[in-house]
Amino acid sequence: MKQFMVWVLRVVPAIILLQTLFFKFTGAEESVFIFSAIGAEPWGRIGSGIVELFAAVLLLIPRTTVFGALLSVGTMAGALLVHLTVIGVEVMADGGYLFVLGLVVMFCSLVLLWLERKKVVGLINHF
């Protein structure tokens, strides 16, 4: 059962991150709006897409899941902070959908880090 839970915790955020890449890389209206609002269009949009792509791939590889989770937490912390301080929870009448997706990625990644806390502590001690 634990293996299934870990698999779900890895796949769900990876799918969300990969799904949003289409919007970032094609310059979808919502993505352009968000990154324009924070003064980071187009390079912030493209750069965050690249980071999210790496995070999704790392999440899916068992040996690198911790790195993907760390990258996801950092990326989502920034995204959620922008939602709460600049653009609002609801973006372009989406009903808070993007915000909720960010929360889901953050939650799954934090749980993965908790489950793999020995590896995280080992990484911290390594540096």
N, C-alpha and C. Protein backbone atom coordinates (compact mmCIF):
# COMPACT_ATOMS: atom_id res chain seq x y z
N MET A 1 0.82 -1.20 0.00
CA MET A 1 0.00 0.00 0.00
C MET A 1 0.86 1.26 0.00
N LYS A 2 1.97 1.24 0.78
CA LYS A 2 2.83 2.42 0.83
C LYS A 2 3.42 2.71 -0.55
N GLN A 3 3.83 1.67 -1.26
CA GLN A 3 4.40 1.87 -2.60
C GLN A 3 3.39 2.52 -3.54
N PHE A 4 2.13 2.12 -3.45
CA PHE A 4 1.09 2.72 -4.29
C PHE A 4 0.93 4.19 -3.93
N MET A 5 0.92 4.51 -2.63
CA MET A 5 0.78 5.89 -2.19
C MET A 5 1.96 6.73 -2.68
N VAL A 6 3.16 6.21 -2.58
CA VAL A 6 4.33 6.93 -3.06
C VAL A 6 4.25 7.14 -4.56
N TRP A 7 3.81 6.14 -5.27
CA TRP A 7 3.65 6.25 -6.72
C TRP A 7 2.66 7.36 -7.06
N VAL A 8 1.52 7.40 -6.38
CA VAL A 8 0.51 8.45 -6.61
C VAL A 8 1.10 9.83 -6.27
N LEU A 9 1.83 9.91 -5.16
CA LEU A 9 2.42 11.18 -4.75
C LEU A 9 3.48 11.67 -5.74
N ARG A 10 4.07 10.77 -6.49
CA ARG A 10 5.05 11.14 -7.52
C ARG A 10 4.37 11.50 -8.83
N VAL A 11 3.38 10.71 -9.23
CA VAL A 11 2.77 10.88 -10.54
C VAL A 11 1.83 12.09 -10.60
N VAL A 12 1.05 12.31 -9.56
CA VAL A 12 0.08 13.41 -9.59
C VAL A 12 0.77 14.76 -9.81
N PRO A 13 1.78 15.13 -9.01
CA PRO A 13 2.40 16.43 -9.28
C PRO A 13 3.15 16.47 -10.61
N ALA A 14 3.73 15.33 -11.01
CA ALA A 14 4.43 15.29 -12.30
C ALA A 14 3.45 15.57 -13.44
N ILE A 15 2.28 14.97 -13.39
CA ILE A 15 1.27 15.20 -14.44
C ILE A 15 0.84 16.66 -14.45
N ILE A 16 0.60 17.22 -13.27
CA ILE A 16 0.20 18.63 -13.20
C ILE A 16 1.29 19.52 -13.78
N LEU A 17 2.53 19.28 -13.38
CA LEU A 17 3.64 20.10 -13.89
C LEU A 17 3.80 19.94 -15.40
N LEU A 18 3.69 18.73 -15.90
CA LEU A 18 3.84 18.50 -17.34
C LEU A 18 2.68 19.10 -18.13
N GLN A 19 1.49 19.04 -17.57
CA GLN A 19 0.30 19.58 -18.24
C GLN A 19 0.39 21.09 -18.40
N THR A 20 0.96 21.77 -17.42
CA THR A 20 1.04 23.23 -17.50
C THR A 20 2.12 23.70 -18.47
N LEU A 21 3.02 22.81 -18.86
CA LEU A 21 4.08 23.19 -19.80
C LEU A 21 3.52 23.65 -21.14
N PHE A 22 2.46 23.01 -21.58
CA PHE A 22 1.85 23.39 -22.86
C PHE A 22 1.50 24.88 -22.84
N PHE A 23 0.91 25.33 -21.74
CA PHE A 23 0.47 26.72 -21.64
C PHE A 23 1.65 27.68 -21.54
N LYS A 24 2.68 27.26 -20.82
CA LYS A 24 3.86 28.12 -20.68
C LYS A 24 4.63 28.23 -21.99
N PHE A 25 4.84 27.11 -22.65
CA PHE A 25 5.67 27.11 -23.85
C PHE A 25 4.96 27.61 -25.10
N THR A 26 3.63 27.61 -25.09
CA THR A 26 2.90 28.12 -26.26
C THR A 26 2.47 29.57 -26.07
N GLY A 27 2.75 30.15 -24.92
CA GLY A 27 2.38 31.54 -24.68
C GLY A 27 0.89 31.72 -24.52
N ALA A 28 0.25 30.79 -23.84
CA ALA A 28 -1.19 30.88 -23.61
C ALA A 28 -1.51 32.17 -22.85
N GLU A 29 -2.69 32.69 -23.10
CA GLU A 29 -3.12 33.98 -22.54
C GLU A 29 -2.94 34.05 -21.02
N GLU A 30 -3.33 32.98 -20.31
CA GLU A 30 -3.22 32.98 -18.85
C GLU A 30 -1.76 33.08 -18.40
N SER A 31 -0.89 32.32 -19.04
CA SER A 31 0.52 32.34 -18.68
C SER A 31 1.15 33.70 -18.96
N VAL A 32 0.84 34.27 -20.11
CA VAL A 32 1.37 35.58 -20.45
C VAL A 32 0.86 36.62 -19.44
N PHE A 33 -0.41 36.53 -19.08
CA PHE A 33 -0.99 37.45 -18.09
C PHE A 33 -0.25 37.36 -16.76
N ILE A 34 -0.05 36.15 -16.27
CA ILE A 34 0.60 35.94 -14.97
C ILE A 34 2.02 36.49 -14.98
N PHE A 35 2.79 36.13 -15.97
CA PHE A 35 4.19 36.54 -15.98
C PHE A 35 4.36 38.01 -16.35
N SER A 36 3.41 38.58 -17.07
CA SER A 36 3.42 40.03 -17.31
C SER A 36 3.15 40.78 -16.02
N ALA A 37 2.25 40.24 -15.20
CA ALA A 37 1.89 40.89 -13.93
C ALA A 37 3.07 40.98 -12.98
N ILE A 38 4.00 40.06 -13.10
CA ILE A 38 5.16 40.09 -12.20
C ILE A 38 6.42 40.59 -12.91
N GLY A 39 6.24 41.07 -14.14
CA GLY A 39 7.36 41.64 -14.88
C GLY A 39 8.38 40.61 -15.34
N ALA A 40 7.93 39.41 -15.61
CA ALA A 40 8.86 38.34 -16.00
C ALA A 40 8.48 37.67 -17.31
N GLU A 41 7.77 38.37 -18.16
CA GLU A 41 7.35 37.82 -19.45
C GLU A 41 8.37 38.24 -20.51
N PRO A 42 8.88 37.37 -21.34
CA PRO A 42 8.59 35.96 -21.53
C PRO A 42 9.57 35.04 -20.82
N TRP A 43 10.72 35.58 -20.38
CA TRP A 43 11.79 34.71 -19.88
C TRP A 43 11.43 34.01 -18.58
N GLY A 44 10.68 34.64 -17.72
CA GLY A 44 10.24 33.99 -16.48
C GLY A 44 9.31 32.83 -16.77
N ARG A 45 8.44 33.03 -17.76
CA ARG A 45 7.49 31.98 -18.15
C ARG A 45 8.24 30.78 -18.72
N ILE A 46 9.15 31.04 -19.63
CA ILE A 46 9.90 29.96 -20.26
C ILE A 46 10.83 29.30 -19.24
N GLY A 47 11.51 30.10 -18.43
CA GLY A 47 12.41 29.56 -17.42
C GLY A 47 11.70 28.71 -16.40
N SER A 48 10.54 29.17 -15.93
CA SER A 48 9.80 28.36 -14.96
C SER A 48 9.29 27.08 -15.60
N GLY A 49 8.95 27.15 -16.88
CA GLY A 49 8.54 25.93 -17.59
C GLY A 49 9.66 24.91 -17.65
N ILE A 50 10.87 25.37 -17.90
CA ILE A 50 12.02 24.47 -17.95
C ILE A 50 12.27 23.85 -16.57
N VAL A 51 12.20 24.68 -15.53
CA VAL A 51 12.40 24.16 -14.17
C VAL A 51 11.32 23.13 -13.83
N GLU A 52 10.07 23.42 -14.20
CA GLU A 52 8.98 22.48 -13.91
C GLU A 52 9.13 21.19 -14.71
N LEU A 53 9.66 21.27 -15.91
CA LEU A 53 9.92 20.06 -16.69
C LEU A 53 10.96 19.19 -15.98
N PHE A 54 12.05 19.80 -15.52
CA PHE A 54 13.06 19.05 -14.78
C PHE A 54 12.46 18.44 -13.51
N ALA A 55 11.66 19.22 -12.78
CA ALA A 55 11.06 18.73 -11.55
C ALA A 55 10.17 17.51 -11.83
N ALA A 56 9.36 17.59 -12.89
CA ALA A 56 8.46 16.48 -13.22
C ALA A 56 9.24 15.22 -13.55
N VAL A 57 10.28 15.36 -14.35
CA VAL A 57 11.09 14.19 -14.72
C VAL A 57 11.76 13.60 -13.48
N LEU A 58 12.33 14.46 -12.65
CA LEU A 58 13.00 13.98 -11.43
C LEU A 58 12.01 13.29 -10.49
N LEU A 59 10.79 13.78 -10.41
CA LEU A 59 9.78 13.14 -9.57
C LEU A 59 9.49 11.72 -10.02
N LEU A 60 9.51 11.50 -11.31
CA LEU A 60 9.12 10.19 -11.85
C LEU A 60 10.20 9.13 -11.75
N ILE A 61 11.44 9.53 -11.55
CA ILE A 61 12.54 8.58 -11.44
C ILE A 61 12.77 8.30 -9.95
N PRO A 62 12.57 7.06 -9.51
CA PRO A 62 12.66 6.77 -8.07
C PRO A 62 13.93 7.28 -7.39
N ARG A 63 15.07 7.15 -8.04
CA ARG A 63 16.33 7.58 -7.41
C ARG A 63 16.45 9.09 -7.28
N THR A 64 15.66 9.84 -8.06
CA THR A 64 15.77 11.30 -8.04
C THR A 64 14.51 11.99 -7.53
N THR A 65 13.59 11.22 -6.99
CA THR A 65 12.32 11.77 -6.52
C THR A 65 12.53 12.89 -5.50
N VAL A 66 13.48 12.71 -4.60
CA VAL A 66 13.73 13.74 -3.57
C VAL A 66 14.12 15.06 -4.23
N PHE A 67 14.96 15.01 -5.25
CA PHE A 67 15.37 16.23 -5.94
C PHE A 67 14.19 16.89 -6.66
N GLY A 68 13.35 16.06 -7.27
CA GLY A 68 12.16 16.59 -7.93
C GLY A 68 11.20 17.22 -6.94
N ALA A 69 11.06 16.59 -5.78
CA ALA A 69 10.18 17.14 -4.75
C ALA A 69 10.73 18.46 -4.21
N LEU A 70 12.03 18.52 -3.99
CA LEU A 70 12.65 19.77 -3.53
C LEU A 70 12.46 20.88 -4.56
N LEU A 71 12.68 20.57 -5.81
CA LEU A 71 12.50 21.55 -6.89
C LEU A 71 11.04 21.98 -7.00
N SER A 72 10.14 21.03 -6.85
CA SER A 72 8.71 21.33 -6.92
C SER A 72 8.27 22.23 -5.77
N VAL A 73 8.75 21.94 -4.57
CA VAL A 73 8.40 22.77 -3.41
C VAL A 73 8.89 24.20 -3.62
N GLY A 74 10.12 24.35 -4.08
CA GLY A 74 10.64 25.69 -4.32
C GLY A 74 9.87 26.44 -5.37
N THR A 75 9.56 25.75 -6.47
CA THR A 75 8.83 26.38 -7.56
C THR A 75 7.41 26.74 -7.14
N MET A 76 6.75 25.83 -6.44
CA MET A 76 5.38 26.10 -6.01
C MET A 76 5.32 27.15 -4.91
N ALA A 77 6.36 27.23 -4.08
CA ALA A 77 6.40 28.29 -3.06
C ALA A 77 6.38 29.65 -3.75
N GLY A 78 7.17 29.78 -4.80
CA GLY A 78 7.17 31.03 -5.56
C GLY A 78 5.84 31.29 -6.24
N ALA A 79 5.28 30.26 -6.86
CA ALA A 79 4.00 30.42 -7.56
C ALA A 79 2.87 30.79 -6.59
N LEU A 80 2.81 30.09 -5.47
CA LEU A 80 1.74 30.37 -4.50
C LEU A 80 1.92 31.76 -3.88
N LEU A 81 3.15 32.16 -3.65
CA LEU A 81 3.42 33.49 -3.12
C LEU A 81 2.96 34.57 -4.10
N VAL A 82 3.22 34.36 -5.39
CA VAL A 82 2.76 35.30 -6.41
C VAL A 82 1.24 35.36 -6.42
N HIS A 83 0.59 34.22 -6.31
CA HIS A 83 -0.87 34.19 -6.27
C HIS A 83 -1.38 35.00 -5.08
N LEU A 84 -0.78 34.80 -3.92
CA LEU A 84 -1.28 35.44 -2.71
C LEU A 84 -0.94 36.91 -2.61
N THR A 85 0.12 37.35 -3.27
CA THR A 85 0.55 38.74 -3.10
C THR A 85 0.36 39.63 -4.32
N VAL A 86 0.30 39.05 -5.52
CA VAL A 86 0.26 39.88 -6.72
C VAL A 86 -0.99 39.65 -7.56
N ILE A 87 -1.20 38.42 -7.99
CA ILE A 87 -2.26 38.17 -8.99
C ILE A 87 -3.57 37.69 -8.41
N GLY A 88 -3.57 37.26 -7.16
CA GLY A 88 -4.79 36.76 -6.54
C GLY A 88 -4.96 35.26 -6.73
N VAL A 89 -5.85 34.71 -5.93
CA VAL A 89 -6.11 33.27 -6.00
C VAL A 89 -6.80 32.92 -7.31
N GLU A 90 -7.70 33.76 -7.74
CA GLU A 90 -8.42 33.53 -9.00
C GLU A 90 -7.75 34.33 -10.10
N VAL A 91 -7.39 33.65 -11.18
CA VAL A 91 -6.73 34.29 -12.32
C VAL A 91 -7.61 34.16 -13.54
N MET A 92 -7.97 35.29 -14.09
CA MET A 92 -8.78 35.33 -15.32
C MET A 92 -10.01 34.43 -15.20
N ALA A 93 -10.72 34.57 -14.11
CA ALA A 93 -11.98 33.84 -13.87
C ALA A 93 -11.82 32.33 -13.91
N ASP A 94 -10.68 31.82 -13.41
CA ASP A 94 -10.48 30.36 -13.41
C ASP A 94 -11.03 29.69 -12.16
N GLY A 95 -11.64 30.46 -11.27
CA GLY A 95 -12.20 29.90 -10.05
C GLY A 95 -11.15 29.40 -9.07
N GLY A 96 -9.92 29.85 -9.23
CA GLY A 96 -8.84 29.41 -8.35
C GLY A 96 -8.20 28.11 -8.77
N TYR A 97 -8.49 27.65 -9.98
CA TYR A 97 -8.01 26.35 -10.46
C TYR A 97 -6.49 26.25 -10.43
N LEU A 98 -5.79 27.27 -10.97
CA LEU A 98 -4.33 27.22 -10.98
C LEU A 98 -3.76 27.23 -9.56
N PHE A 99 -4.39 27.99 -8.68
CA PHE A 99 -3.95 28.05 -7.30
C PHE A 99 -4.08 26.67 -6.63
N VAL A 100 -5.20 26.02 -6.86
CA VAL A 100 -5.43 24.69 -6.29
C VAL A 100 -4.44 23.68 -6.84
N LEU A 101 -4.15 23.75 -8.13
CA LEU A 101 -3.14 22.86 -8.71
C LEU A 101 -1.78 23.07 -8.04
N GLY A 102 -1.44 24.32 -7.79
CA GLY A 102 -0.19 24.62 -7.09
C GLY A 102 -0.18 24.04 -5.69
N LEU A 103 -1.32 24.13 -5.00
CA LEU A 103 -1.42 23.54 -3.65
C LEU A 103 -1.26 22.03 -3.70
N VAL A 104 -1.84 21.39 -4.69
CA VAL A 104 -1.75 19.93 -4.82
C VAL A 104 -0.29 19.51 -5.05
N VAL A 105 0.40 20.21 -5.95
CA VAL A 105 1.81 19.90 -6.21
C VAL A 105 2.63 20.11 -4.94
N MET A 106 2.37 21.22 -4.25
CA MET A 106 3.10 21.51 -3.01
C MET A 106 2.85 20.42 -1.96
N PHE A 107 1.58 20.06 -1.76
CA PHE A 107 1.23 19.05 -0.76
C PHE A 107 1.91 17.71 -1.08
N CYS A 108 1.76 17.24 -2.31
CA CYS A 108 2.36 15.95 -2.69
C CYS A 108 3.87 15.97 -2.51
N SER A 109 4.50 17.06 -2.90
CA SER A 109 5.95 17.16 -2.79
C SER A 109 6.41 17.20 -1.34
N LEU A 110 5.68 17.92 -0.50
CA LEU A 110 6.03 17.97 0.92
C LEU A 110 5.87 16.60 1.58
N VAL A 111 4.83 15.87 1.22
CA VAL A 111 4.64 14.52 1.77
C VAL A 111 5.78 13.61 1.30
N LEU A 112 6.15 13.70 0.03
CA LEU A 112 7.28 12.91 -0.47
C LEU A 112 8.55 13.22 0.30
N LEU A 113 8.79 14.50 0.56
CA LEU A 113 9.98 14.88 1.33
C LEU A 113 9.91 14.33 2.75
N TRP A 114 8.73 14.33 3.33
CA TRP A 114 8.57 13.77 4.68
C TRP A 114 8.86 12.27 4.68
N LEU A 115 8.31 11.58 3.68
CA LEU A 115 8.52 10.13 3.60
C LEU A 115 10.00 9.79 3.34
N GLU A 116 10.69 10.68 2.66
CA GLU A 116 12.10 10.46 2.33
C GLU A 116 13.02 11.34 3.17
N ARG A 117 12.57 11.69 4.38
CA ARG A 117 13.30 12.65 5.22
C ARG A 117 14.72 12.20 5.55
N LYS A 118 14.96 10.89 5.61
CA LYS A 118 16.32 10.42 5.88
C LYS A 118 17.25 10.80 4.72
N LYS A 119 16.75 10.69 3.51
CA LYS A 119 17.56 11.10 2.35
C LYS A 119 17.79 12.61 2.36
N VAL A 120 16.74 13.36 2.72
CA VAL A 120 16.87 14.82 2.77
C VAL A 120 17.90 15.23 3.81
N VAL A 121 17.84 14.62 4.99
CA VAL A 121 18.83 14.91 6.04
C VAL A 121 20.22 14.52 5.56
N GLY A 122 20.33 13.40 4.88
CA GLY A 122 21.62 12.98 4.33
C GLY A 122 22.17 13.99 3.33
N LEU A 123 21.28 14.53 2.50
CA LEU A 123 21.70 15.57 1.55
C LEU A 123 22.19 16.82 2.26
N ILE A 124 21.45 17.22 3.30
CA ILE A 124 21.82 18.41 4.05
C ILE A 124 23.17 18.19 4.74
N ASN A 125 23.35 17.03 5.33
CA ASN A 125 24.61 16.72 6.02
C ASN A 125 25.77 16.62 5.05
N HIS A 126 25.46 16.26 3.81
CA HIS A 126 26.50 16.14 2.79
C HIS A 126 27.13 17.50 2.48
N PHE A 127 26.33 18.54 2.59
CA PHE A 127 26.82 19.90 2.29
C PHE A 127 27.19 20.55 3.57
